[in-house]
Amino acid sequence: MEKPYFYQIRVEGVITERWSDWFDGLAIRNEPNGETVLAGWIPDQAALFGLLGRIQALNLPLVSVSRRVDQPLF
C-alpha cells in the first residue's frame, strides 16, 4: 500500500483557482513568470498519473514534478 506524498507540479501557463476541484483540490499558485504550481497531497501513483493526464488534456507543457518529504509553504 502506498502512502500519500506531497507533490509540487509546475506547468507553463496560467490555471485559475476555479480549476482546483478538477485537480482534486490541489492548491494553485500562479507565478510571475507565467508558470503555475499545483501543490498538495496525492494519495498514490494512480492519482498522480490521473492529474498528469488532466494537465496533458489541457495541453499545458509540464515543467517539473517534485515529490516532497516535507510540506513546503507557498
PDB file of N, CA and C in Angstrom:
ATOM      1  N   MET A   1       0.849  -1.189   0.000  1.00  0.00           N
ATOM      2  CA  MET A   1       0.000   0.000   0.000  1.00  0.00           C
ATOM      3  C   MET A   1       0.884   1.238   0.000  1.00  0.00           C
ATOM      4  N   GLU A   2       0.616   2.122  -0.912  1.00  0.00           N
ATOM      5  CA  GLU A   2       1.374   3.362  -0.985  1.00  0.00           C
ATOM      6  C   GLU A   2       0.847   4.354   0.025  1.00  0.00           C
ATOM      7  N   LYS A   3       1.724   5.232   0.482  1.00  0.00           N
ATOM      8  CA  LYS A   3       1.274   6.309   1.354  1.00  0.00           C
ATOM      9  C   LYS A   3       1.220   7.592   0.547  1.00  0.00           C
ATOM     10  N   PRO A   4       0.416   8.553   0.972  1.00  0.00           N
ATOM     11  CA  PRO A   4       0.347   9.807   0.230  1.00  0.00           C
ATOM     12  C   PRO A   4       1.635  10.600   0.384  1.00  0.00           C
ATOM     13  N   TYR A   5       1.963  11.353  -0.651  1.00  0.00           N
ATOM     14  CA  TYR A   5       3.114  12.246  -0.636  1.00  0.00           C
ATOM     15  C   TYR A   5       2.665  13.630  -1.058  1.00  0.00           C
ATOM     16  N   PHE A   6       3.424  14.623  -0.622  1.00  0.00           N
ATOM     17  CA  PHE A   6       3.165  15.992  -1.021  1.00  0.00           C
ATOM     18  C   PHE A   6       3.913  16.250  -2.328  1.00  0.00           C
ATOM     19  N   TYR A   7       3.196  16.712  -3.343  1.00  0.00           N
ATOM     20  CA  TYR A   7       3.782  16.976  -4.659  1.00  0.00           C
ATOM     21  C   TYR A   7       3.631  18.443  -5.027  1.00  0.00           C
ATOM     22  N   GLN A   8       4.607  18.910  -5.796  1.00  0.00           N
ATOM     23  CA  GLN A   8       4.508  20.195  -6.477  1.00  0.00           C
ATOM     24  C   GLN A   8       4.667  19.915  -7.964  1.00  0.00           C
ATOM     25  N   ILE A   9       3.672  20.312  -8.728  1.00  0.00           N
ATOM     26  CA  ILE A   9       3.672  20.114 -10.170  1.00  0.00           C
ATOM     27  C   ILE A   9       3.687  21.499 -10.816  1.00  0.00           C
ATOM     28  N   ARG A  10       4.684  21.738 -11.631  1.00  0.00           N
ATOM     29  CA  ARG A  10       4.847  23.049 -12.269  1.00  0.00           C
ATOM     30  C   ARG A  10       4.567  22.911 -13.764  1.00  0.00           C
ATOM     31  N   VAL A  11       3.726  23.808 -14.297  1.00  0.00           N
ATOM     32  CA  VAL A  11       3.385  23.809 -15.718  1.00  0.00           C
ATOM     33  C   VAL A  11       3.557  25.206 -16.291  1.00  0.00           C
ATOM     34  N   GLU A  12       3.748  25.264 -17.607  1.00  0.00           N
ATOM     35  CA  GLU A  12       3.737  26.557 -18.299  1.00  0.00           C
ATOM     36  C   GLU A  12       2.287  26.950 -18.509  1.00  0.00           C
ATOM     37  N   GLY A  13       1.984  28.215 -18.282  1.00  0.00           N
ATOM     38  CA  GLY A  13       0.626  28.696 -18.481  1.00  0.00           C
ATOM     39  C   GLY A  13      -0.043  29.012 -17.156  1.00  0.00           C
ATOM     40  N   VAL A  14      -1.196  29.627 -17.259  1.00  0.00           N
ATOM     41  CA  VAL A  14      -1.939  30.072 -16.088  1.00  0.00           C
ATOM     42  C   VAL A  14      -3.173  29.199 -15.902  1.00  0.00           C
ATOM     43  N   ILE A  15      -3.327  28.692 -14.685  1.00  0.00           N
ATOM     44  CA  ILE A  15      -4.529  27.947 -14.290  1.00  0.00           C
ATOM     45  C   ILE A  15      -5.173  28.748 -13.169  1.00  0.00           C
ATOM     46  N   THR A  16      -6.423  29.089 -13.316  1.00  0.00           N
ATOM     47  CA  THR A  16      -7.092  29.857 -12.268  1.00  0.00           C
ATOM     48  C   THR A  16      -7.562  28.934 -11.142  1.00  0.00           C
ATOM     49  N   GLU A  17      -7.845  29.536 -10.010  1.00  0.00           N
ATOM     50  CA  GLU A  17      -8.258  28.794  -8.812  1.00  0.00           C
ATOM     51  C   GLU A  17      -9.556  28.014  -9.051  1.00  0.00           C
ATOM     52  N   ARG A  18     -10.358  28.423 -10.001  1.00  0.00           N
ATOM     53  CA  ARG A  18     -11.626  27.711 -10.247  1.00  0.00           C
ATOM     54  C   ARG A  18     -11.408  26.281 -10.731  1.00  0.00           C
ATOM     55  N   TRP A  19     -10.190  25.960 -11.169  1.00  0.00           N
ATOM     56  CA  TRP A  19      -9.867  24.608 -11.620  1.00  0.00           C
ATOM     57  C   TRP A  19      -9.466  23.683 -10.469  1.00  0.00           C
ATOM     58  N   SER A  20      -9.415  24.194  -9.256  1.00  0.00           N
ATOM     59  CA  SER A  20      -8.940  23.408  -8.115  1.00  0.00           C
ATOM     60  C   SER A  20      -9.705  22.101  -7.936  1.00  0.00           C
ATOM     61  N   ASP A  21     -11.014  22.124  -8.059  1.00  0.00           N
ATOM     62  CA  ASP A  21     -11.794  20.889  -7.917  1.00  0.00           C
ATOM     63  C   ASP A  21     -11.426  19.873  -8.987  1.00  0.00           C
ATOM     64  N   TRP A  22     -11.198  20.337 -10.204  1.00  0.00           N
ATOM     65  CA  TRP A  22     -10.843  19.434 -11.305  1.00  0.00           C
ATOM     66  C   TRP A  22      -9.484  18.790 -11.055  1.00  0.00           C
ATOM     67  N   PHE A  23      -8.626  19.507 -10.305  1.00  0.00           N
ATOM     68  CA  PHE A  23      -7.328  18.968  -9.931  1.00  0.00           C
ATOM     69  C   PHE A  23      -7.354  18.416  -8.504  1.00  0.00           C
ATOM     70  N   ASP A  24      -8.465  17.828  -8.129  1.00  0.00           N
ATOM     71  CA  ASP A  24      -8.625  17.127  -6.841  1.00  0.00           C
ATOM     72  C   ASP A  24      -8.278  17.986  -5.637  1.00  0.00           C
ATOM     73  N   GLY A  25      -8.578  19.274  -5.698  1.00  0.00           N
ATOM     74  CA  GLY A  25      -8.389  20.155  -4.555  1.00  0.00           C
ATOM     75  C   GLY A  25      -6.973  20.636  -4.324  1.00  0.00           C
ATOM     76  N   LEU A  26      -6.068  20.410  -5.281  1.00  0.00           N
ATOM     77  CA  LEU A  26      -4.703  20.906  -5.112  1.00  0.00           C
ATOM     78  C   LEU A  26      -4.710  22.429  -5.053  1.00  0.00           C
ATOM     79  N   ALA A  27      -3.796  22.986  -4.268  1.00  0.00           N
ATOM     80  CA  ALA A  27      -3.624  24.431  -4.232  1.00  0.00           C
ATOM     81  C   ALA A  27      -3.012  24.872  -5.556  1.00  0.00           C
ATOM     82  N   ILE A  28      -3.407  26.042  -6.020  1.00  0.00           N
ATOM     83  CA  ILE A  28      -2.925  26.568  -7.295  1.00  0.00           C
ATOM     84  C   ILE A  28      -2.286  27.927  -7.046  1.00  0.00           C
ATOM     85  N   ARG A  29      -1.054  28.066  -7.514  1.00  0.00           N
ATOM     86  CA  ARG A  29      -0.352  29.351  -7.372  1.00  0.00           C
ATOM     87  C   ARG A  29       0.225  29.732  -8.728  1.00  0.00           C
ATOM     88  N   ASN A  30      -0.124  30.925  -9.180  1.00  0.00           N
ATOM     89  CA  ASN A  30       0.415  31.440 -10.442  1.00  0.00           C
ATOM     90  C   ASN A  30       1.657  32.257 -10.151  1.00  0.00           C
ATOM     91  N   GLU A  31       2.712  31.971 -10.900  1.00  0.00           N
ATOM     92  CA  GLU A  31       3.998  32.639 -10.729  1.00  0.00           C
ATOM     93  C   GLU A  31       4.092  33.831 -11.692  1.00  0.00           C
ATOM     94  N   PRO A  32       4.896  34.836 -11.348  1.00  0.00           N
ATOM     95  CA  PRO A  32       5.055  35.995 -12.236  1.00  0.00           C
ATOM     96  C   PRO A  32       5.616  35.644 -13.613  1.00  0.00           C
ATOM     97  N   ASN A  33       6.333  34.522 -13.722  1.00  0.00           N
ATOM     98  CA  ASN A  33       6.941  34.142 -14.999  1.00  0.00           C
ATOM     99  C   ASN A  33       5.969  33.421 -15.936  1.00  0.00           C
ATOM    100  N   GLY A  34       4.691  33.346 -15.555  1.00  0.00           N
ATOM    101  CA  GLY A  34       3.702  32.710 -16.420  1.00  0.00           C
ATOM    102  C   GLY A  34       3.514  31.227 -16.163  1.00  0.00           C
ATOM    103  N   GLU A  35       4.205  30.684 -15.168  1.00  0.00           N
ATOM    104  CA  GLU A  35       4.032  29.282 -14.797  1.00  0.00           C
ATOM    105  C   GLU A  35       3.024  29.165 -13.654  1.00  0.00           C
ATOM    106  N   THR A  36       2.474  27.965 -13.508  1.00  0.00           N
ATOM    107  CA  THR A  36       1.550  27.666 -12.419  1.00  0.00           C
ATOM    108  C   THR A  36       2.090  26.485 -11.632  1.00  0.00           C
ATOM    109  N   VAL A  37       1.982  26.571 -10.308  1.00  0.00           N
ATOM    110  CA  VAL A  37       2.368  25.476  -9.435  1.00  0.00           C
ATOM    111  C   VAL A  37       1.101  24.895  -8.811  1.00  0.00           C
ATOM    112  N   LEU A  38       0.917  23.593  -8.979  1.00  0.00           N
ATOM    113  CA  LEU A  38      -0.150  22.848  -8.317  1.00  0.00           C
ATOM    114  C   LEU A  38       0.513  22.100  -7.171  1.00  0.00           C
ATOM    115  N   ALA A  39      -0.037  22.186  -5.972  1.00  0.00           N
ATOM    116  CA  ALA A  39       0.618  21.555  -4.831  1.00  0.00           C
ATOM    117  C   ALA A  39      -0.406  20.940  -3.893  1.00  0.00           C
ATOM    118  N   GLY A  40      -0.028  19.792  -3.323  1.00  0.00           N
ATOM    119  CA  GLY A  40      -0.891  19.157  -2.330  1.00  0.00           C
ATOM    120  C   GLY A  40      -0.564  17.688  -2.170  1.00  0.00           C
ATOM    121  N   TRP A  41      -1.297  17.062  -1.281  1.00  0.00           N
ATOM    122  CA  TRP A  41      -1.120  15.641  -1.005  1.00  0.00           C
ATOM    123  C   TRP A  41      -1.808  14.815  -2.076  1.00  0.00           C
ATOM    124  N   ILE A  42      -1.080  13.869  -2.633  1.00  0.00           N
ATOM    125  CA  ILE A  42      -1.616  12.967  -3.649  1.00  0.00           C
ATOM    126  C   ILE A  42      -1.518  11.560  -3.082  1.00  0.00           C
ATOM    127  N   PRO A  43      -2.637  10.821  -3.069  1.00  0.00           N
ATOM    128  CA  PRO A  43      -2.687   9.558  -2.324  1.00  0.00           C
ATOM    129  C   PRO A  43      -1.826   8.425  -2.873  1.00  0.00           C
ATOM    130  N   ASP A  44      -1.629   8.374  -4.190  1.00  0.00           N
ATOM    131  CA  ASP A  44      -0.863   7.255  -4.750  1.00  0.00           C
ATOM    132  C   ASP A  44      -0.469   7.568  -6.191  1.00  0.00           C
ATOM    133  N   GLN A  45       0.267   6.639  -6.801  1.00  0.00           N
ATOM    134  CA  GLN A  45       0.755   6.839  -8.168  1.00  0.00           C
ATOM    135  C   GLN A  45      -0.389   6.929  -9.173  1.00  0.00           C
ATOM    136  N   ALA A  46      -1.445   6.172  -8.970  1.00  0.00           N
ATOM    137  CA  ALA A  46      -2.582   6.222  -9.898  1.00  0.00           C
ATOM    138  C   ALA A  46      -3.194   7.618  -9.914  1.00  0.00           C
ATOM    139  N   ALA A  47      -3.333   8.223  -8.754  1.00  0.00           N
ATOM    140  CA  ALA A  47      -3.883   9.578  -8.679  1.00  0.00           C
ATOM    141  C   ALA A  47      -2.929  10.578  -9.330  1.00  0.00           C
ATOM    142  N   LEU A  48      -1.622  10.394  -9.133  1.00  0.00           N
ATOM    143  CA  LEU A  48      -0.636  11.279  -9.751  1.00  0.00           C
ATOM    144  C   LEU A  48      -0.735  11.211 -11.274  1.00  0.00           C
ATOM    145  N   PHE A  49      -0.794   9.995 -11.814  1.00  0.00           N
ATOM    146  CA  PHE A  49      -0.891   9.859 -13.268  1.00  0.00           C
ATOM    147  C   PHE A  49      -2.217  10.407 -13.800  1.00  0.00           C
ATOM    148  N   GLY A  50      -3.275  10.302 -13.015  1.00  0.00           N
ATOM    149  CA  GLY A  50      -4.547  10.907 -13.402  1.00  0.00           C
ATOM    150  C   GLY A  50      -4.435  12.419 -13.512  1.00  0.00           C
ATOM    151  N   LEU A  51      -3.760  13.053 -12.541  1.00  0.00           N
ATOM    152  CA  LEU A  51      -3.558  14.502 -12.584  1.00  0.00           C
ATOM    153  C   LEU A  51      -2.687  14.911 -13.769  1.00  0.00           C
ATOM    154  N   LEU A  52      -1.645  14.135 -14.031  1.00  0.00           N
ATOM    155  CA  LEU A  52      -0.792  14.437 -15.176  1.00  0.00           C
ATOM    156  C   LEU A  52      -1.567  14.313 -16.490  1.00  0.00           C
ATOM    157  N   GLY A  53      -2.485  13.369 -16.546  1.00  0.00           N
ATOM    158  CA  GLY A  53      -3.343  13.230 -17.723  1.00  0.00           C
ATOM    159  C   GLY A  53      -4.245  14.435 -17.917  1.00  0.00           C
ATOM    160  N   ARG A  54      -4.714  15.023 -16.816  1.00  0.00           N
ATOM    161  CA  ARG A  54      -5.551  16.220 -16.915  1.00  0.00           C
ATOM    162  C   ARG A  54      -4.737  17.406 -17.416  1.00  0.00           C
ATOM    163  N   ILE A  55      -3.486  17.484 -16.949  1.00  0.00           N
ATOM    164  CA  ILE A  55      -2.603  18.544 -17.439  1.00  0.00           C
ATOM    165  C   ILE A  55      -2.383  18.381 -18.943  1.00  0.00           C
ATOM    166  N   GLN A  56      -2.167  17.154 -19.372  1.00  0.00           N
ATOM    167  CA  GLN A  56      -1.984  16.881 -20.801  1.00  0.00           C
ATOM    168  C   GLN A  56      -3.247  17.241 -21.582  1.00  0.00           C
ATOM    169  N   ALA A  57      -4.422  16.929 -21.032  1.00  0.00           N
ATOM    170  CA  ALA A  57      -5.686  17.228 -21.715  1.00  0.00           C
ATOM    171  C   ALA A  57      -5.866  18.731 -21.922  1.00  0.00           C
ATOM    172  N   LEU A  58      -5.302  19.543 -21.027  1.00  0.00           N
ATOM    173  CA  LEU A  58      -5.372  20.996 -21.169  1.00  0.00           C
ATOM    174  C   LEU A  58      -4.249  21.533 -22.056  1.00  0.00           C
ATOM    175  N   ASN A  59      -3.388  20.632 -22.542  1.00  0.00           N
ATOM    176  CA  ASN A  59      -2.276  20.992 -23.425  1.00  0.00           C
ATOM    177  C   ASN A  59      -1.323  21.987 -22.761  1.00  0.00           C
ATOM    178  N   LEU A  60      -1.089  21.791 -21.449  1.00  0.00           N
ATOM    179  CA  LEU A  60      -0.156  22.638 -20.717  1.00  0.00           C
ATOM    180  C   LEU A  60       1.206  21.947 -20.656  1.00  0.00           C
ATOM    181  N   PRO A  61       2.264  22.596 -21.101  1.00  0.00           N
ATOM    182  CA  PRO A  61       3.589  21.981 -21.032  1.00  0.00           C
ATOM    183  C   PRO A  61       4.012  21.752 -19.575  1.00  0.00           C
ATOM    184  N   LEU A  62       4.454  20.547 -19.290  1.00  0.00           N
ATOM    185  CA  LEU A  62       4.910  20.176 -17.953  1.00  0.00           C
ATOM    186  C   LEU A  62       6.339  20.660 -17.756  1.00  0.00           C
ATOM    187  N   VAL A  63       6.585  21.379 -16.670  1.00  0.00           N
ATOM    188  CA  VAL A  63       7.924  21.881 -16.366  1.00  0.00           C
ATOM    189  C   VAL A  63       8.617  20.939 -15.389  1.00  0.00           C
ATOM    190  N   SER A  64       7.919  20.563 -14.297  1.00  0.00           N
ATOM    191  CA  SER A  64       8.538  19.671 -13.316  1.00  0.00           C
ATOM    192  C   SER A  64       7.482  19.035 -12.422  1.00  0.00           C
ATOM    193  N   VAL A  65       7.864  17.898 -11.862  1.00  0.00           N
ATOM    194  CA  VAL A  65       7.068  17.209 -10.850  1.00  0.00           C
ATOM    195  C   VAL A  65       8.025  16.885  -9.713  1.00  0.00           C
ATOM    196  N   SER A  66       7.715  17.366  -8.510  1.00  0.00           N
ATOM    197  CA  SER A  66       8.586  17.138  -7.353  1.00  0.00           C
ATOM    198  C   SER A  66       7.797  16.508  -6.220  1.00  0.00           C
ATOM    199  N   ARG A  67       8.298  15.380  -5.725  1.00  0.00           N
ATOM    200  CA  ARG A  67       7.719  14.777  -4.531  1.00  0.00           C
ATOM    201  C   ARG A  67       8.520  15.296  -3.348  1.00  0.00           C
ATOM    202  N   ARG A  68       7.826  15.812  -2.369  1.00  0.00           N
ATOM    203  CA  ARG A  68       8.482  16.437  -1.226  1.00  0.00           C
ATOM    204  C   ARG A  68       8.361  15.562   0.012  1.00  0.00           C
ATOM    205  N   VAL A  69       9.419  15.529   0.791  1.00  0.00           N
ATOM    206  CA  VAL A  69       9.386  14.816   2.061  1.00  0.00           C
ATOM    207  C   VAL A  69       8.621  15.646   3.083  1.00  0.00           C
ATOM    208  N   ASP A  70       8.850  16.954   3.060  1.00  0.00           N
ATOM    209  CA  ASP A  70       8.142  17.853   3.950  1.00  0.00           C
ATOM    210  C   ASP A  70       7.128  18.635   3.123  1.00  0.00           C
ATOM    211  N   GLN A  71       6.218  19.260   3.797  1.00  0.00           N
ATOM    212  CA  GLN A  71       5.212  20.072   3.096  1.00  0.00           C
ATOM    213  C   GLN A  71       5.709  21.500   3.033  1.00  0.00           C
ATOM    214  N   PRO A  72       6.205  21.934   1.883  1.00  0.00           N
ATOM    215  CA  PRO A  72       6.687  23.310   1.786  1.00  0.00           C
ATOM    216  C   PRO A  72       5.535  24.290   1.764  1.00  0.00           C
ATOM    217  N   LEU A  73       5.793  25.464   2.236  1.00  0.00           N
ATOM    218  CA  LEU A  73       4.793  26.532   2.188  1.00  0.00           C
ATOM    219  C   LEU A  73       4.905  27.258   0.864  1.00  0.00           C
ATOM    220  N   PHE A  74       3.793  27.762   0.394  1.00  0.00           N
ATOM    221  CA  PHE A  74       3.823  28.571  -0.834  1.00  0.00           C
ATOM    222  C   PHE A  74       4.512  29.853  -0.556  1.00  0.00           C
TER     223      PHE A  74
END
